[in-house]
Protein backbone atom coordinates (compact mmCIF):
# COMPACT_ATOMS: atom_id res chain seq x y z
CA MET A 1 0.05 0.05 -0.02
CA GLU A 2 2.60 2.35 0.78
CA LYS A 3 4.28 1.71 -2.59
CA ILE A 4 1.20 2.37 -4.29
CA LYS A 5 0.61 5.55 -2.24
CA LYS A 6 4.25 6.88 -3.24
CA LEU A 7 3.40 6.14 -6.71
CA PHE A 8 0.62 8.76 -6.94
CA GLN A 9 2.35 11.34 -4.85
CA THR A 10 5.16 11.73 -7.68
CA LYS A 11 5.11 14.85 -9.73
CA ASP A 12 4.40 13.02 -13.00
CA SER A 13 1.49 11.20 -11.45
CA ARG A 14 -0.15 14.51 -10.22
CA LYS A 15 0.51 15.89 -13.74
CA GLY A 16 -1.48 12.86 -14.84
CA SER A 17 -4.24 13.19 -12.39
CA TYR A 18 -4.90 16.84 -13.74
CA SER A 19 -4.84 15.90 -17.18
CA VAL A 20 -7.44 13.24 -16.51
CA ALA A 21 -9.39 15.74 -14.42
CA VAL A 22 -9.32 18.12 -17.39
CA THR A 23 -10.31 15.62 -19.96
CA ALA A 24 -13.31 14.58 -17.78
CA VAL A 25 -14.55 18.01 -17.49
CA VAL A 26 -14.04 18.77 -21.10
CA ILE A 27 -15.95 15.76 -22.05
CA GLY A 28 -18.78 16.74 -19.44
CA ILE A 29 -18.93 20.07 -20.99
CA VAL A 30 -19.07 18.60 -24.50
CA ILE A 31 -21.98 16.27 -23.43
CA LEU A 32 -23.80 18.84 -21.58
CA PHE A 33 -23.63 21.34 -24.58
CA ASN A 34 -24.91 18.57 -27.12
CA LEU A 35 -28.00 17.88 -24.77
CA LEU A 36 -28.63 21.78 -24.62
CA VAL A 37 -28.56 22.03 -28.23
CA GLY A 38 -30.62 19.07 -28.78
CA GLN A 39 -33.61 20.80 -26.85
CA LEU A 40 -33.41 23.69 -29.41
CA PRO A 41 -35.87 23.77 -32.21
CA GLN A 42 -34.89 21.91 -35.34
CA LYS A 43 -34.94 24.97 -37.57
CA ILE A 44 -32.29 26.66 -35.23
CA ARG A 45 -30.10 23.66 -34.76
CA GLN A 46 -30.19 22.36 -38.13
CA ILE A 47 -27.58 23.95 -40.75
CA ASP A 48 -27.98 23.30 -44.38
CA ILE A 49 -24.49 22.24 -45.63
CA SER A 50 -25.70 20.53 -48.87
CA ASP A 51 -24.24 21.76 -51.99
CA THR A 52 -27.27 23.15 -53.60
CA ASN A 53 -29.01 24.35 -50.21
CA ILE A 54 -31.76 21.59 -50.63
CA TYR A 55 -32.99 22.16 -47.02
CA GLU A 56 -33.40 25.97 -47.56
CA ILE A 57 -36.87 26.86 -46.94
CA SER A 58 -37.69 29.90 -49.64
CA SER A 59 -39.19 33.09 -48.75
CA LYS A 60 -42.26 32.32 -50.39
CA SER A 61 -42.95 29.29 -48.26
CA GLN A 62 -41.96 31.11 -45.12
CA LYS A 63 -44.69 33.86 -46.04
CA LEU A 64 -47.10 31.38 -46.60
CA ILE A 65 -46.40 29.58 -43.42
CA LYS A 66 -46.27 32.61 -41.35
CA ASN A 67 -49.75 33.81 -42.67
CA LEU A 68 -51.46 30.51 -41.86
CA GLU A 69 -54.65 30.62 -40.00
CA ASN A 70 -55.63 27.14 -40.21
CA ASP A 71 -54.06 23.73 -38.75
CA VAL A 72 -52.45 21.73 -41.55
CA THR A 73 -51.30 17.99 -40.70
CA PHE A 74 -48.65 15.79 -42.55
CA TYR A 75 -49.41 12.16 -42.57
CA VAL A 76 -46.15 10.56 -43.67
CA ILE A 77 -47.22 7.15 -44.73
CA ALA A 78 -43.86 5.27 -44.82
CA GLU A 79 -41.50 3.18 -42.79
CA LYS A 80 -39.56 5.81 -41.21
CA SER A 81 -36.39 3.98 -40.61
CA SER A 82 -36.24 3.16 -44.50
CA THR A 83 -37.30 6.74 -45.67
CA ASP A 84 -34.56 8.75 -47.28
CA ASP A 85 -32.68 11.10 -44.84
CA ARG A 86 -33.15 14.06 -47.12
CA ILE A 87 -36.72 13.81 -46.93
CA LYS A 88 -37.12 13.04 -43.26
CA THR A 89 -34.66 16.19 -42.54
CA PHE A 90 -36.73 18.38 -44.68
CA ILE A 91 -40.20 17.58 -43.60
CA SER A 92 -39.05 17.81 -39.84
CA LYS A 93 -37.48 21.38 -40.60
CA TYR A 94 -40.44 22.39 -42.50
CA VAL A 95 -43.12 21.46 -39.95
CA SER A 96 -41.06 23.11 -37.33
CA LEU A 97 -41.61 26.55 -38.64
CA SER A 98 -45.26 27.00 -37.38
CA GLY A 99 -47.51 25.77 -34.69
CA HIS A 100 -50.33 25.46 -37.34
CA LEU A 101 -48.18 22.49 -39.08
CA LYS A 102 -48.11 19.03 -37.42
CA MET A 103 -46.60 15.71 -38.72
CA GLU A 104 -47.51 12.04 -37.99
CA TRP A 105 -45.70 9.17 -39.20
CA ILE A 106 -47.73 6.07 -40.06
CA ASP A 107 -46.16 2.82 -40.93
CA PRO A 108 -48.13 1.25 -43.64
CA VAL A 109 -47.09 -2.20 -42.63
CA LEU A 110 -48.31 -1.95 -39.00
CA HIS A 111 -51.29 -0.15 -40.30
CA PRO A 112 -52.33 -1.04 -43.82
CA SER A 113 -55.86 0.45 -43.37
CA ALA A 114 -54.20 3.85 -43.65
CA LEU A 115 -53.67 3.46 -47.25
CA THR A 116 -57.62 2.97 -47.83
CA LYS A 117 -58.34 5.44 -45.10
CA TYR A 118 -56.22 8.38 -46.82
CA ASP A 119 -56.87 7.08 -50.36
CA THR A 120 -52.85 7.01 -51.04
CA GLU A 121 -49.93 4.61 -51.51
CA LYS A 122 -47.07 4.08 -49.05
CA ASN A 123 -44.15 6.28 -49.28
CA SER A 124 -46.28 9.50 -49.56
CA ILE A 125 -47.17 12.35 -47.48
CA VAL A 126 -50.98 13.24 -47.10
CA VAL A 127 -51.41 16.90 -46.53
CA SER A 128 -54.87 17.52 -44.57
CA CYS A 129 -56.68 20.54 -43.41
CA GLU A 130 -59.55 19.63 -41.35
CA LYS A 131 -60.93 23.18 -41.48
CA THR A 132 -61.66 23.31 -45.24
CA GLY A 133 -61.95 19.66 -45.63
CA ARG A 134 -59.36 19.50 -48.40
CA GLN A 135 -56.61 16.94 -48.68
CA THR A 136 -53.92 15.92 -51.22
CA SER A 137 -51.00 13.59 -51.57
CA ILE A 138 -47.47 13.72 -52.35
CA SER A 139 -45.41 10.76 -53.71
CA PHE A 140 -41.83 10.85 -52.26
CA ASP A 141 -40.83 10.29 -56.16
CA ASP A 142 -42.34 13.76 -56.64
CA ILE A 143 -39.71 15.02 -53.96
CA LEU A 144 -36.86 13.11 -55.22
CA VAL A 145 -37.37 13.12 -58.98
CA THR A 146 -35.12 10.33 -60.58
CA GLU A 147 -33.81 9.89 -63.90
CA SER A 148 -32.81 6.72 -65.81
CA SER A 149 -29.46 6.30 -67.13
CA TYR A 150 -29.30 6.21 -70.92
CA TYR A 151 -26.70 3.27 -70.54
CA ASN A 152 -28.28 0.95 -68.14
CA THR A 153 -31.41 0.59 -66.22
CA SER A 154 -30.25 2.14 -62.82
CA THR A 155 -31.91 5.38 -61.48
CA SER A 156 -30.56 8.03 -59.52
CA ALA A 157 -32.05 11.20 -58.07
CA THR A 158 -31.64 14.28 -60.04
CA GLN A 159 -33.68 16.81 -58.18
CA PHE A 160 -35.12 17.64 -54.91
CA ASP A 161 -38.52 19.32 -54.97
CA GLY A 162 -39.54 19.24 -51.04
CA ASP A 163 -39.98 23.12 -50.75
CA GLY A 164 -42.14 23.25 -53.96
CA GLN A 165 -44.18 20.21 -53.24
CA LEU A 166 -45.05 20.99 -49.65
CA THR A 167 -45.70 24.53 -50.16
CA SER A 168 -47.84 23.75 -53.18
CA ALA A 169 -49.96 21.17 -51.12
CA VAL A 170 -50.19 23.66 -48.01
CA ASN A 171 -51.63 26.46 -50.54
CA TYR A 172 -54.00 23.83 -52.14
CA VAL A 173 -55.47 22.62 -48.86
CA THR A 174 -56.07 25.88 -47.04
CA ASN A 175 -57.36 27.46 -50.09
CA THR A 176 -60.97 26.70 -52.29
CA LYS A 177 -60.29 28.80 -55.05
CA GLU A 178 -59.01 27.20 -58.26
CA TYR A 179 -57.99 28.77 -61.64
CA LYS A 180 -58.13 27.75 -65.30
CA ALA A 181 -55.70 28.91 -67.93
CA TYR A 182 -56.10 28.00 -71.72
CA TYR A 183 -53.11 27.84 -74.04
CA THR A 184 -53.99 28.42 -77.93
CA SER A 185 -53.41 26.17 -80.62
CA GLY A 186 -53.75 26.31 -84.27
CA HIS A 187 -51.10 28.77 -85.16
CA GLY A 188 -47.80 27.20 -84.88
CA GLU A 189 -47.72 28.01 -81.03
CA ALA A 190 -45.28 26.07 -78.76
CA ALA A 191 -46.84 23.75 -76.31
CA LEU A 192 -46.24 24.80 -72.84
CA SER A 193 -43.37 22.74 -71.02
CA SER A 194 -43.93 20.41 -68.20
CA SER A 195 -41.93 22.74 -66.27
CA VAL A 196 -44.19 25.58 -66.45
CA THR A 197 -47.33 23.58 -66.09
CA SER A 198 -45.91 22.00 -63.14
CA LEU A 199 -45.16 25.50 -61.81
CA MET A 200 -48.92 26.41 -62.73
CA GLU A 201 -50.16 23.54 -60.90
CA LYS A 202 -48.47 24.39 -57.72
CA SER A 203 -50.34 27.79 -57.76
CA ARG A 204 -54.02 26.06 -58.10
CA ILE A 205 -53.76 26.87 -62.11
CA SER A 206 -54.91 24.12 -64.21
CA THR A 207 -54.19 24.21 -67.93
CA SER A 208 -56.04 22.98 -71.18
CA GLU A 209 -55.50 23.63 -74.91
CA LEU A 210 -58.07 25.83 -76.68
CA ASN A 211 -57.88 25.83 -80.70
CA LEU A 212 -58.95 29.35 -81.53
CA LEU A 213 -59.72 28.14 -85.34
CA THR A 214 -62.84 26.03 -83.85
CA ALA A 215 -63.72 28.15 -80.83
CA SER A 216 -66.42 30.60 -81.37
CA SER A 217 -65.81 32.24 -78.03
CA ILE A 218 -63.44 32.12 -75.00
CA PRO A 219 -64.74 29.51 -72.41
CA LYS A 220 -66.42 31.08 -69.43
CA ASP A 221 -64.11 29.48 -66.98
CA CYS A 222 -60.91 30.90 -68.50
CA ASP A 223 -59.04 33.06 -66.00
CA LEU A 224 -56.13 33.62 -68.50
CA LEU A 225 -55.41 33.04 -71.98
CA ILE A 226 -51.88 32.18 -73.09
CA LEU A 227 -50.56 32.69 -76.64
CA ASN A 228 -47.07 31.11 -76.62
CA GLY A 229 -45.28 31.88 -79.50
CA PRO A 230 -47.78 31.78 -82.55
CA THR A 231 -46.04 31.82 -85.94
CA SER A 232 -49.13 32.62 -88.09
CA ASP A 233 -51.28 35.47 -87.79
CA LEU A 234 -54.87 35.47 -86.30
CA THR A 235 -57.90 35.47 -88.58
CA LYS A 236 -60.25 38.19 -88.82
CA ASP A 237 -62.81 36.28 -86.61
CA GLU A 238 -60.17 35.10 -84.05
CA ALA A 239 -58.88 38.89 -83.76
CA LYS A 240 -62.60 39.98 -82.97
CA VAL A 241 -63.09 37.02 -80.13
CA LEU A 242 -60.00 38.10 -78.57
CA SER A 243 -60.72 41.90 -78.78
CA SER A 244 -64.27 41.08 -77.46
CA TYR A 245 -62.70 38.81 -74.49
CA LEU A 246 -60.44 41.82 -73.41
CA LYS A 247 -63.09 44.20 -73.67
CA LYS A 248 -65.42 42.26 -71.27
CA GLY A 249 -62.62 42.05 -68.50
CA GLY A 250 -60.45 39.16 -70.02
CA LYS A 251 -56.78 38.49 -69.19
CA VAL A 252 -54.57 37.39 -72.20
CA MET A 253 -50.98 36.80 -72.18
CA THR A 254 -48.78 36.79 -75.52
CA LEU A 255 -45.30 35.55 -75.82
CA LEU A 256 -43.89 36.79 -79.26
CA THR A 257 -41.51 34.68 -81.53
CA TYR A 258 -39.57 34.28 -84.70
CA THR A 259 -41.57 34.16 -87.73
CA ASN A 260 -41.10 35.22 -91.53
CA LYS A 261 -44.87 35.62 -91.81
CA LYS A 262 -46.65 39.22 -91.22
CA MET A 263 -48.71 39.43 -88.36
CA PRO A 264 -50.99 42.33 -88.98
CA ARG A 265 -54.08 41.39 -86.88
CA LEU A 266 -52.05 40.04 -83.66
CA ASN A 267 -49.70 43.20 -83.92
CA GLY A 268 -52.71 45.45 -84.48
CA LEU A 269 -54.58 44.17 -81.20
CA LEU A 270 -51.32 44.80 -79.56
CA GLU A 271 -51.33 48.18 -80.84
CA ASP A 272 -54.72 49.14 -79.70
CA TYR A 273 -53.50 48.52 -76.25
CA GLY A 274 -50.53 50.82 -76.51
CA LEU A 275 -47.72 48.40 -77.64
CA LYS A 276 -46.41 48.74 -81.35
CA VAL A 277 -44.11 45.89 -82.16
CA ALA A 278 -40.91 47.15 -84.15
CA ASN A 279 -39.62 45.46 -87.32
CA GLY A 280 -36.85 43.04 -86.91
CA TYR A 281 -35.06 41.52 -83.68
CA ILE A 282 -33.61 43.36 -80.94
CA ALA A 283 -29.94 43.58 -80.30
CA ASP A 284 -28.37 45.22 -77.26
CA GLY A 285 -24.59 45.94 -77.18
CA ASP A 286 -24.70 47.08 -73.58
CA ARG A 287 -27.02 44.26 -71.84
CA CYS A 288 -26.25 40.94 -73.59
CA TYR A 289 -24.79 37.54 -72.65
CA GLN A 290 -20.95 36.99 -73.31
CA GLY A 291 -21.08 39.35 -76.25
CA ASN A 292 -23.90 37.62 -78.33
CA TYR A 293 -26.19 40.72 -78.90
CA TYR A 294 -29.38 38.91 -79.47
CA TYR A 295 -29.03 37.33 -76.06
CA LEU A 296 -30.50 40.08 -73.89
CA ILE A 297 -30.19 40.66 -70.28
CA PRO A 298 -32.78 43.23 -69.98
CA ASN A 299 -33.30 45.96 -67.33
CA LEU A 300 -36.04 44.96 -65.02
CA SER A 301 -38.57 47.43 -63.52
CA VAL A 302 -40.74 45.35 -61.36
CA SER A 303 -42.56 45.88 -57.81
CA ASP A 304 -44.87 44.67 -55.40
CA ASP A 305 -46.13 40.94 -56.42
CA MET A 306 -44.28 41.14 -59.90
CA ALA A 307 -40.91 41.32 -57.82
CA SER A 308 -41.71 38.25 -55.64
CA GLY A 309 -38.93 36.27 -55.58
CA ILE A 310 -36.67 37.96 -57.86
CA SER A 311 -33.55 39.10 -56.52
CA SER A 312 -30.90 39.05 -59.28
CA ASN A 313 -32.87 40.09 -61.95
CA SER A 314 -31.07 37.63 -63.92
CA VAL A 315 -33.43 37.08 -67.09
CA LEU A 316 -32.41 36.12 -70.18
CA MET A 317 -34.33 36.62 -73.60
CA ILE A 318 -33.11 35.28 -76.96
CA ASN A 319 -34.19 36.39 -80.32
CA SER A 320 -36.66 38.80 -78.84
CA LYS A 321 -39.09 41.07 -80.68
CA GLY A 322 -39.31 44.63 -79.47
CA MET A 323 -42.13 47.19 -78.83
CA THR A 324 -42.46 50.83 -78.44
CA GLN A 325 -45.02 52.39 -76.50
CA THR A 326 -47.83 54.46 -78.69
CA ASP A 327 -51.17 55.88 -78.09
CA PRO A 328 -53.68 53.38 -77.29
CA ALA A 329 -57.12 52.91 -78.88
CA ARG A 330 -59.09 54.27 -75.91
CA ASP A 331 -57.87 56.55 -73.07
CA THR A 332 -59.07 54.12 -70.44
CA ILE A 333 -56.08 51.99 -71.24
CA SER A 334 -52.83 52.27 -69.55
CA VAL A 335 -49.46 50.76 -70.38
CA GLU A 336 -46.72 49.78 -67.89
CA SER A 337 -43.33 48.27 -69.12
CA PHE A 338 -41.52 45.82 -66.92
CA MET A 339 -38.51 44.80 -69.07
CA THR A 340 -36.70 47.00 -71.70
CA THR A 341 -33.12 47.06 -73.41
CA SER A 342 -30.63 49.71 -72.67
CA ASP A 343 -30.63 52.83 -74.66
CA SER A 344 -28.07 50.92 -76.97
CA GLY A 345 -30.77 48.74 -78.03
CA TYR A 346 -31.28 48.06 -81.87
CA ALA A 347 -34.25 46.92 -83.92
CA VAL A 348 -32.30 44.87 -86.81
CA THR A 349 -33.80 43.89 -90.05
CA GLU A 350 -31.93 42.86 -93.33
CA LYS A 351 -31.99 46.53 -94.48
CA LYS A 352 -31.49 48.71 -91.50
CA GLN A 353 -30.86 49.09 -87.77
CA THR A 354 -32.69 51.40 -85.55
CA GLN A 355 -31.46 52.43 -82.28
CA GLY A 356 -33.48 52.97 -79.14
CA THR A 357 -34.72 51.87 -75.95
CA TYR A 358 -37.35 48.96 -76.68
CA ILE A 359 -39.80 47.21 -74.49
CA LEU A 360 -39.35 43.50 -73.86
CA GLY A 361 -42.16 43.05 -71.39
CA ALA A 362 -45.19 45.18 -70.65
CA ALA A 363 -48.77 44.96 -69.45
CA SER A 364 -51.74 47.00 -70.68
CA THR A 365 -54.91 47.30 -68.39
CA GLU A 366 -58.02 48.82 -68.73
CA SER A 367 -60.97 49.21 -66.26
CA VAL A 368 -64.25 48.18 -68.07
CA THR A 369 -68.01 47.86 -66.58
CA VAL A 370 -69.68 44.46 -67.64
CA LYS A 371 -72.82 42.59 -66.71
CA ASN A 372 -72.48 39.49 -64.32
CA SER A 373 -74.45 36.46 -64.21
CA SER A 374 -77.29 37.76 -62.28
CA GLY A 375 -77.32 40.82 -64.87
CA LYS A 376 -76.02 43.47 -62.57
CA LYS A 377 -73.14 45.70 -63.53
CA GLU A 378 -69.88 45.27 -62.11
CA LYS A 379 -66.24 46.67 -62.73
CA LYS A 380 -63.46 44.32 -64.00
CA GLU A 381 -59.86 44.89 -65.25
CA SER A 382 -58.75 43.61 -68.28
CA ARG A 383 -55.13 42.64 -68.71
CA LEU A 384 -52.87 42.30 -71.91
CA THR A 385 -49.55 41.05 -71.07
CA VAL A 386 -46.93 40.76 -73.60
CA PHE A 387 -43.28 39.49 -73.89
CA GLY A 388 -41.00 39.79 -76.64
CA SER A 389 -39.74 36.21 -76.76
CA ASN A 390 -41.49 32.90 -75.92
CA MET A 391 -37.72 31.46 -75.46
CA LEU A 392 -38.13 33.23 -71.92
CA ILE A 393 -40.06 30.10 -70.82
CA ASP A 394 -38.19 27.34 -73.09
CA GLU A 395 -37.20 24.45 -71.58
CA GLN A 396 -34.05 24.25 -73.07
CA VAL A 397 -33.15 27.95 -71.70
CA THR A 398 -34.41 27.45 -68.25
CA GLN A 399 -32.47 24.20 -67.81
CA SER A 400 -29.37 25.09 -69.16
CA PHE A 401 -29.17 28.32 -67.17
CA SER A 402 -30.31 27.32 -63.95
CA THR A 403 -29.65 30.63 -62.09
CA LEU A 404 -31.88 32.49 -64.48
CA GLU A 405 -35.20 33.93 -62.77
CA ASN A 406 -37.24 33.52 -66.29
CA LEU A 407 -39.76 31.23 -64.67
CA THR A 408 -40.18 33.42 -61.66
CA LEU A 409 -41.04 36.35 -63.65
CA PHE A 410 -43.14 34.56 -65.95
CA MET A 411 -45.07 32.96 -62.96
CA ASN A 412 -45.45 36.38 -61.25
CA SER A 413 -47.02 37.88 -64.54
CA VAL A 414 -49.55 34.97 -64.71
CA THR A 415 -50.59 35.26 -60.86
CA ALA A 416 -50.92 39.31 -61.47
CA ASN A 417 -53.78 38.37 -63.69
CA LEU A 418 -55.74 36.38 -61.21
CA ASP A 419 -57.54 37.58 -58.28
CA ASN A 420 -56.35 36.82 -54.92
CA ALA A 421 -53.51 34.51 -56.32
CA ASP A 422 -49.99 34.57 -55.29
CA ASN A 423 -46.90 32.88 -57.09
CA ILE A 424 -45.88 30.23 -54.59
CA SER A 425 -44.51 28.10 -57.38
CA ILE A 426 -41.19 27.00 -56.22
CA SER A 427 -38.70 25.23 -58.85
CA PRO A 428 -36.85 21.83 -57.81
CA LYS A 429 -33.53 22.25 -56.88
CA SER A 430 -30.79 20.18 -58.86
CA LEU A 431 -28.80 17.39 -57.13
CA GLN A 432 -26.35 17.24 -59.70
CA VAL A 433 -22.62 17.48 -58.84
CA THR A 434 -21.51 21.09 -59.60
CA TYR A 435 -17.98 21.61 -61.13
CA ASN A 436 -16.04 24.87 -60.88
CA THR A 437 -15.08 26.10 -64.41
CA ILE A 438 -13.40 29.01 -65.75
CA ALA A 439 -14.84 29.77 -69.30
CA HIS A 440 -13.48 33.03 -69.68
CA PRO A 441 -10.78 33.99 -67.07
CA GLY A 442 -10.41 37.67 -66.33
CA ILE A 443 -7.71 39.61 -64.75
CA PHE A 444 -8.94 38.94 -61.21
CA SER A 445 -9.34 35.45 -61.86
CA ILE A 446 -5.74 34.91 -63.07
CA LEU A 447 -4.53 37.12 -60.09
CA ILE A 448 -6.41 34.91 -57.65
CA ILE A 449 -5.65 31.41 -59.05
CA PHE A 450 -2.00 31.96 -60.41
CA VAL A 451 -0.43 34.97 -59.39
CA ILE A 452 -0.86 35.20 -55.58
CA PRO A 453 -0.37 31.28 -54.99
CA PHE A 454 2.68 31.57 -57.07
CA VAL A 455 4.07 34.36 -54.90
CA VAL A 456 3.10 32.83 -51.62
CA ILE A 457 4.94 29.59 -52.65
CA ALA A 458 8.14 31.48 -53.80
CA GLY A 459 8.06 33.91 -50.72
CA GLY A 460 7.98 30.60 -48.46
CA PHE A 461 10.85 29.10 -50.61
CA VAL A 462 13.10 32.06 -50.07
CA ILE A 463 12.30 32.08 -46.26
CA TRP A 464 13.23 28.42 -45.91
CA PHE A 465 16.43 28.81 -48.00
CA ARG A 466 17.73 31.57 -45.82
CA ARG A 467 16.92 29.90 -42.48
CA ARG A 468 18.65 26.79 -43.90
CA ARG A 469 21.94 28.72 -44.63
CA ARG A 470 22.07 29.90 -41.03
């Protein structure tokens, strides 16, 4: 015993005991800190470090959640242990944003009757609002969007749409108003892409085709009529139908496109509403993409709801027609442009180039008095929205330039036509690996990547060599 006591009375043993005590205190502090952090709300303790910020909840979603008045429940019909961690993490973070949101996991293996009760399939989220009695279902496949490989049968997730799907579902179950948009055909129009129709559905807007050649009038349930890049002109009767529809408070959106045909009736309708289409196509030496004068980066002047979700003003217009403002057919019509070239814009034809500032996007509105279904007079606002190019929403463009706000601007323009509608459409986030590339290195890039590292390495070598000689 005496030998053991002497062993712990040495200088080294005292230092060792001190080190053990300090280590124990540090471990205790770490454990206590983790316990305290674990009690914090998930939205505070969870930091998104994913490459594309897939767990980031957009400002549109936060605004919708903040204004919720009714309780919404998420029934996750899946085995929790086998559910993808990305889905589990996002749902938990989303629900933690409001006391009006609740989540309940239901294992379909243990409770197979849940599939019948909620009229859904396993691996899905049933979003329900008891107050409105509305319910919708989201498949996990709609959140983690997969894509089959061209060379084999394997699949991999390419997009994460948690924010868009959940927010769209909450918006759907807490509102009872639905909207209807028709897109025209019969004049070489481009069909609306799946990306566009998906975003419209997220804002409770269903779409259907309308052939103006066979339609004698615009359907009564039409909240918005879209002409997506007609390449041939309207007939005389079609022009009358559109004009009559607008005069009764209708909403029309036209996206112009390249065509070698003259369009006197369509252009005449636009001119009646204060927008004269310039001859040729628009080039801009000051605001263009990488020196291509026909790839325009317009000046945006949007505000209020039209500015929702737009932060970088990065919109690309390719091969766009341009317009100038002219006197409308009636004094009651007002014109507001929201997208223009710089003053170095040019309308280019084979024969000449005309310099000026050209309108690339505008909306003309008119307050009209019409009779409603009961025969009483009421005031309505007709609205004609015009974009210079339907390449604004072309899927190849929006997918090739993922940072563009083309679809956001388009959807803001769509919902601006609809009473009490907000653009809550949120695009999916890519899960593709992002590579750093330098397509056109400038002086600053060369300085950062080459010059400064070389100077640091050379300086270090000189210091090492001098010390070595001492």
